[in-house]
């Protein structure tokens, strides 16, 4: 789904349609961060939102705004899931749509953000 949205260029769709997709992604991500045991792992939802939006910035900003223990637990679990990629520098964004260098840059942004979170 995420890669298909990115490939379809949804941000350039008519305003109402693009707003609907953006609203869905934001609601999905926010709900995941606030749900103790979401049906999809937070790391996977994050990766999907990043891929669909071709950016990590808004999704990291939302994570940073969520100060509760559930969001922090999702962060710890995501770091655990990403341990291999964090150690190797490889990106977990396996569905990235676009230039490989952009996918690597997005992962580098995540790594820098995580370093600032004391992780």
N, C-alpha and C. Protein backbone atom coordinates (compact mmCIF):
# COMPACT_ATOMS: atom_id res chain seq x y z
N UNK A 1 0.82 -1.18 0.00
CA UNK A 1 0.00 0.00 0.00
C UNK A 1 0.87 1.27 0.00
N UNK A 2 1.84 1.32 0.90
CA UNK A 2 2.66 2.53 1.05
C UNK A 2 3.43 2.87 -0.21
N UNK A 3 4.06 1.86 -0.78
CA UNK A 3 4.84 2.10 -1.98
C UNK A 3 3.94 2.50 -3.15
N UNK A 4 2.76 1.90 -3.22
CA UNK A 4 1.81 2.26 -4.26
C UNK A 4 1.36 3.70 -4.14
N UNK A 5 1.11 4.16 -2.91
CA UNK A 5 0.73 5.56 -2.71
C UNK A 5 1.86 6.49 -3.15
N UNK A 6 3.08 6.14 -2.76
CA UNK A 6 4.23 6.97 -3.15
C UNK A 6 4.37 7.00 -4.68
N UNK A 7 4.25 5.84 -5.30
CA UNK A 7 4.39 5.76 -6.75
C UNK A 7 3.28 6.54 -7.46
N UNK A 8 2.11 6.59 -6.85
CA UNK A 8 0.98 7.30 -7.46
C UNK A 8 1.08 8.81 -7.28
N UNK A 9 2.05 9.27 -6.49
CA UNK A 9 2.23 10.71 -6.30
C UNK A 9 1.04 11.38 -5.63
N UNK A 10 0.51 10.75 -4.60
CA UNK A 10 -0.71 11.25 -3.96
C UNK A 10 -0.64 12.70 -3.50
N UNK A 11 0.51 13.26 -3.09
CA UNK A 11 0.50 14.67 -2.69
C UNK A 11 0.10 15.62 -3.82
N UNK A 12 0.24 15.17 -5.07
CA UNK A 12 -0.14 16.01 -6.21
C UNK A 12 -1.57 15.75 -6.67
N UNK A 13 -2.28 14.88 -6.01
CA UNK A 13 -3.68 14.62 -6.35
C UNK A 13 -4.50 15.87 -6.04
N UNK A 14 -5.76 15.90 -6.51
CA UNK A 14 -6.63 17.02 -6.12
C UNK A 14 -6.64 17.19 -4.60
N UNK A 15 -6.76 18.41 -4.16
CA UNK A 15 -6.60 18.77 -2.74
C UNK A 15 -7.37 17.87 -1.78
N UNK A 16 -8.64 17.66 -2.04
CA UNK A 16 -9.45 16.85 -1.12
C UNK A 16 -8.95 15.42 -1.03
N UNK A 17 -8.54 14.86 -2.15
CA UNK A 17 -8.04 13.49 -2.16
C UNK A 17 -6.70 13.41 -1.42
N UNK A 18 -5.81 14.35 -1.67
CA UNK A 18 -4.52 14.37 -0.98
C UNK A 18 -4.71 14.57 0.52
N UNK A 19 -5.64 15.43 0.88
CA UNK A 19 -5.92 15.65 2.31
C UNK A 19 -6.48 14.39 2.97
N UNK A 20 -7.27 13.64 2.24
CA UNK A 20 -7.83 12.39 2.79
C UNK A 20 -6.71 11.38 3.06
N UNK A 21 -5.78 11.25 2.13
CA UNK A 21 -4.66 10.32 2.33
C UNK A 21 -3.79 10.80 3.49
N UNK A 22 -3.46 12.09 3.51
CA UNK A 22 -2.64 12.63 4.60
C UNK A 22 -3.34 12.45 5.94
N UNK A 23 -4.64 12.69 5.97
CA UNK A 23 -5.41 12.51 7.20
C UNK A 23 -5.41 11.08 7.68
N UNK A 24 -5.56 10.14 6.73
CA UNK A 24 -5.52 8.73 7.10
C UNK A 24 -4.17 8.36 7.69
N UNK A 25 -3.09 8.72 6.99
CA UNK A 25 -1.76 8.37 7.47
C UNK A 25 -1.48 8.97 8.84
N UNK A 26 -1.85 10.23 9.03
CA UNK A 26 -1.64 10.88 10.32
C UNK A 26 -2.45 10.19 11.42
N UNK A 27 -3.71 9.87 11.13
CA UNK A 27 -4.56 9.20 12.12
C UNK A 27 -4.03 7.81 12.45
N UNK A 28 -3.60 7.09 11.45
CA UNK A 28 -3.06 5.73 11.65
C UNK A 28 -1.82 5.79 12.55
N UNK A 29 -0.92 6.71 12.25
CA UNK A 29 0.32 6.84 13.01
C UNK A 29 0.03 7.29 14.44
N UNK A 30 -0.80 8.30 14.59
CA UNK A 30 -1.14 8.81 15.92
C UNK A 30 -1.82 7.73 16.76
N UNK A 31 -2.78 7.04 16.18
CA UNK A 31 -3.49 5.98 16.91
C UNK A 31 -2.52 4.87 17.31
N UNK A 32 -1.61 4.52 16.42
CA UNK A 32 -0.62 3.49 16.75
C UNK A 32 0.21 3.91 17.94
N UNK A 33 0.66 5.16 17.95
CA UNK A 33 1.51 5.64 19.05
C UNK A 33 0.77 5.68 20.38
N UNK A 34 -0.55 5.72 20.35
CA UNK A 34 -1.34 5.82 21.57
C UNK A 34 -1.99 4.50 21.99
N UNK A 35 -1.75 3.45 21.22
CA UNK A 35 -2.37 2.15 21.49
C UNK A 35 -1.34 1.19 22.04
N UNK A 36 -1.66 0.61 23.18
CA UNK A 36 -0.74 -0.31 23.85
C UNK A 36 -0.29 -1.46 22.94
N UNK A 37 -1.23 -2.14 22.34
CA UNK A 37 -0.93 -3.28 21.48
C UNK A 37 -1.63 -3.11 20.14
N UNK A 38 -1.10 -2.25 19.28
CA UNK A 38 -1.76 -2.02 17.99
C UNK A 38 -1.67 -3.27 17.11
N UNK A 39 -2.59 -3.42 16.15
CA UNK A 39 -2.58 -4.60 15.30
C UNK A 39 -1.33 -4.70 14.41
N UNK A 40 -0.69 -3.58 14.15
CA UNK A 40 0.54 -3.55 13.37
C UNK A 40 1.61 -2.86 14.22
N UNK A 41 2.80 -3.43 14.25
CA UNK A 41 3.89 -2.86 15.04
C UNK A 41 4.14 -1.39 14.67
N UNK A 42 4.48 -0.59 15.65
CA UNK A 42 4.75 0.83 15.40
C UNK A 42 5.87 1.00 14.38
N UNK A 43 6.89 0.17 14.45
CA UNK A 43 7.99 0.29 13.49
C UNK A 43 7.48 0.08 12.06
N UNK A 44 6.55 -0.83 11.86
CA UNK A 44 6.01 -1.09 10.53
C UNK A 44 5.09 0.04 10.07
N UNK A 45 4.29 0.58 10.99
CA UNK A 45 3.43 1.71 10.63
C UNK A 45 4.30 2.91 10.26
N UNK A 46 5.34 3.15 11.06
CA UNK A 46 6.26 4.24 10.78
C UNK A 46 6.88 4.07 9.39
N UNK A 47 7.40 2.88 9.11
CA UNK A 47 8.02 2.62 7.82
C UNK A 47 7.03 2.82 6.68
N UNK A 48 5.78 2.42 6.88
CA UNK A 48 4.75 2.59 5.86
C UNK A 48 4.44 4.07 5.62
N UNK A 49 4.29 4.82 6.71
CA UNK A 49 4.00 6.26 6.58
C UNK A 49 5.16 6.99 5.92
N UNK A 50 6.38 6.64 6.30
CA UNK A 50 7.57 7.25 5.70
C UNK A 50 7.61 6.96 4.21
N UNK A 51 7.37 5.70 3.85
CA UNK A 51 7.41 5.32 2.45
C UNK A 51 6.32 6.03 1.66
N UNK A 52 5.10 6.02 2.18
CA UNK A 52 3.98 6.66 1.48
C UNK A 52 4.22 8.16 1.29
N UNK A 53 4.79 8.79 2.31
CA UNK A 53 5.01 10.23 2.27
C UNK A 53 6.37 10.66 1.76
N UNK A 54 7.25 9.70 1.53
CA UNK A 54 8.62 9.98 1.05
C UNK A 54 9.35 10.96 1.95
N UNK A 55 9.07 10.89 3.25
CA UNK A 55 9.72 11.77 4.21
C UNK A 55 9.59 11.18 5.61
N UNK A 56 10.60 11.37 6.42
CA UNK A 56 10.52 10.93 7.82
C UNK A 56 10.13 12.07 8.74
N UNK A 57 10.32 13.29 8.31
CA UNK A 57 10.18 14.46 9.18
C UNK A 57 8.82 14.56 9.88
N UNK A 58 7.69 14.49 9.18
CA UNK A 58 6.42 14.65 9.91
C UNK A 58 6.14 13.51 10.87
N UNK A 59 6.61 12.32 10.56
CA UNK A 59 6.34 11.15 11.40
C UNK A 59 7.21 11.18 12.65
N UNK A 60 8.45 11.66 12.51
CA UNK A 60 9.30 11.84 13.69
C UNK A 60 8.75 12.96 14.57
N UNK A 61 8.26 14.02 13.94
CA UNK A 61 7.69 15.14 14.71
C UNK A 61 6.51 14.67 15.55
N UNK A 62 5.64 13.83 14.98
CA UNK A 62 4.50 13.31 15.73
C UNK A 62 4.99 12.44 16.89
N UNK A 63 5.98 11.60 16.63
CA UNK A 63 6.52 10.73 17.67
C UNK A 63 7.09 11.56 18.82
N UNK A 64 7.77 12.63 18.45
CA UNK A 64 8.35 13.50 19.47
C UNK A 64 7.28 14.20 20.30
N UNK A 65 6.15 14.51 19.69
CA UNK A 65 5.06 15.18 20.41
C UNK A 65 4.36 14.23 21.39
N UNK A 66 4.40 12.95 21.10
CA UNK A 66 3.75 11.96 21.96
C UNK A 66 4.69 11.63 23.13
N UNK A 67 4.41 12.19 24.28
CA UNK A 67 5.30 12.06 25.44
C UNK A 67 4.94 10.91 26.37
N UNK A 68 3.81 10.24 26.13
CA UNK A 68 3.32 9.23 27.04
C UNK A 68 4.14 7.95 27.04
N UNK A 69 3.91 7.11 28.02
CA UNK A 69 4.67 5.87 28.16
C UNK A 69 4.43 4.88 27.01
N UNK A 70 3.26 4.92 26.42
CA UNK A 70 2.99 3.99 25.32
C UNK A 70 3.85 4.34 24.11
N UNK A 71 3.92 5.61 23.77
CA UNK A 71 4.75 6.04 22.63
C UNK A 71 6.22 5.75 22.90
N UNK A 72 6.65 5.94 24.13
CA UNK A 72 8.05 5.65 24.49
C UNK A 72 8.33 4.16 24.39
N UNK A 73 7.35 3.34 24.77
CA UNK A 73 7.51 1.88 24.64
C UNK A 73 7.62 1.49 23.17
N UNK A 74 6.80 2.11 22.33
CA UNK A 74 6.89 1.83 20.90
C UNK A 74 8.26 2.24 20.35
N UNK A 75 8.80 3.32 20.87
CA UNK A 75 10.13 3.75 20.43
C UNK A 75 11.17 2.71 20.81
N UNK A 76 11.13 2.24 22.04
CA UNK A 76 12.09 1.22 22.49
C UNK A 76 11.96 -0.06 21.66
N UNK A 77 10.72 -0.47 21.40
CA UNK A 77 10.51 -1.68 20.59
C UNK A 77 10.99 -1.48 19.16
N UNK A 78 10.77 -0.30 18.61
CA UNK A 78 11.22 -0.03 17.24
C UNK A 78 12.73 -0.05 17.15
N UNK A 79 13.39 0.54 18.13
CA UNK A 79 14.86 0.50 18.15
C UNK A 79 15.33 -0.95 18.19
N UNK A 80 14.65 -1.77 18.97
CA UNK A 80 15.00 -3.20 19.02
C UNK A 80 14.85 -3.83 17.63
N UNK A 81 13.72 -3.55 16.95
CA UNK A 81 13.48 -4.13 15.63
C UNK A 81 14.50 -3.62 14.61
N UNK A 82 14.95 -2.39 14.79
CA UNK A 82 15.89 -1.78 13.84
C UNK A 82 17.34 -1.97 14.24
N UNK A 83 17.62 -2.74 15.28
CA UNK A 83 18.99 -2.87 15.79
C UNK A 83 19.98 -3.21 14.69
N UNK A 84 19.68 -4.19 13.87
CA UNK A 84 20.61 -4.60 12.81
C UNK A 84 20.88 -3.44 11.85
N UNK A 85 19.83 -2.74 11.44
CA UNK A 85 19.99 -1.61 10.52
C UNK A 85 20.73 -0.46 11.20
N UNK A 86 20.47 -0.25 12.48
CA UNK A 86 21.18 0.82 13.20
C UNK A 86 22.67 0.52 13.28
N UNK A 87 23.00 -0.74 13.48
CA UNK A 87 24.41 -1.13 13.58
C UNK A 87 25.11 -1.11 12.22
N UNK A 88 24.38 -1.50 11.16
CA UNK A 88 25.01 -1.61 9.85
C UNK A 88 24.90 -0.34 9.00
N UNK A 89 23.92 0.50 9.32
CA UNK A 89 23.69 1.69 8.50
C UNK A 89 22.73 1.45 7.35
N UNK A 90 22.32 0.18 7.14
CA UNK A 90 21.34 -0.12 6.10
C UNK A 90 19.98 0.43 6.49
N UNK A 91 19.21 0.81 5.52
CA UNK A 91 17.89 1.37 5.77
C UNK A 91 16.84 0.27 5.90
N UNK A 92 15.91 0.41 6.86
CA UNK A 92 14.81 -0.55 6.95
C UNK A 92 13.67 -0.23 5.99
N UNK A 93 13.80 0.84 5.25
CA UNK A 93 12.73 1.26 4.35
C UNK A 93 12.81 0.44 3.05
N UNK A 94 12.48 -0.82 3.16
CA UNK A 94 12.62 -1.73 2.02
C UNK A 94 11.65 -1.42 0.90
N UNK A 95 10.60 -0.66 1.17
CA UNK A 95 9.62 -0.34 0.15
C UNK A 95 9.81 1.07 -0.38
N UNK A 96 10.92 1.72 -0.05
CA UNK A 96 11.13 3.12 -0.43
C UNK A 96 10.90 3.29 -1.92
N UNK A 97 10.14 4.31 -2.27
CA UNK A 97 9.89 4.64 -3.67
C UNK A 97 10.68 5.90 -3.98
N UNK A 98 11.59 5.80 -4.88
CA UNK A 98 12.41 6.94 -5.25
C UNK A 98 13.87 6.54 -5.26
N UNK A 99 14.70 7.54 -5.32
CA UNK A 99 16.14 7.30 -5.39
C UNK A 99 16.64 6.62 -4.12
N UNK A 100 17.52 5.68 -4.30
CA UNK A 100 18.09 4.96 -3.17
C UNK A 100 18.80 5.92 -2.21
N UNK A 101 19.45 6.92 -2.76
CA UNK A 101 20.15 7.91 -1.92
C UNK A 101 19.17 8.65 -1.01
N UNK A 102 17.96 8.91 -1.51
CA UNK A 102 16.94 9.58 -0.70
C UNK A 102 16.50 8.67 0.45
N UNK A 103 16.36 7.38 0.18
CA UNK A 103 16.02 6.43 1.23
C UNK A 103 17.10 6.35 2.30
N UNK A 104 18.35 6.36 1.87
CA UNK A 104 19.47 6.35 2.83
C UNK A 104 19.48 7.64 3.65
N UNK A 105 19.21 8.76 3.00
CA UNK A 105 19.18 10.05 3.71
C UNK A 105 18.05 10.07 4.74
N UNK A 106 16.91 9.49 4.38
CA UNK A 106 15.79 9.43 5.32
C UNK A 106 16.17 8.60 6.54
N UNK A 107 16.84 7.47 6.31
CA UNK A 107 17.26 6.63 7.43
C UNK A 107 18.31 7.35 8.28
N UNK A 108 19.19 8.09 7.66
CA UNK A 108 20.17 8.87 8.41
C UNK A 108 19.48 9.90 9.30
N UNK A 109 18.41 10.50 8.80
CA UNK A 109 17.64 11.45 9.61
C UNK A 109 17.05 10.75 10.83
N UNK A 110 16.53 9.55 10.63
CA UNK A 110 15.99 8.77 11.76
C UNK A 110 17.10 8.48 12.76
N UNK A 111 18.24 8.05 12.28
CA UNK A 111 19.36 7.71 13.17
C UNK A 111 19.80 8.93 13.99
N UNK A 112 19.86 10.09 13.36
CA UNK A 112 20.23 11.30 14.09
C UNK A 112 19.16 11.66 15.11
N UNK A 113 17.90 11.51 14.74
CA UNK A 113 16.80 11.78 15.66
C UNK A 113 16.87 10.84 16.86
N UNK A 114 17.09 9.58 16.59
CA UNK A 114 17.20 8.60 17.69
C UNK A 114 18.35 8.94 18.62
N UNK A 115 19.47 9.37 18.07
CA UNK A 115 20.61 9.75 18.90
C UNK A 115 20.24 10.91 19.82
N UNK A 116 19.42 11.81 19.33
CA UNK A 116 18.96 12.94 20.15
C UNK A 116 17.95 12.54 21.19
N UNK A 117 17.36 11.37 21.04
CA UNK A 117 16.38 10.88 22.01
C UNK A 117 17.05 10.10 23.14
N UNK A 118 18.37 10.01 23.08
CA UNK A 118 19.10 9.28 24.11
C UNK A 118 19.00 7.78 23.94
N UNK A 119 18.75 7.34 22.71
CA UNK A 119 18.61 5.89 22.45
C UNK A 119 19.89 5.38 21.85
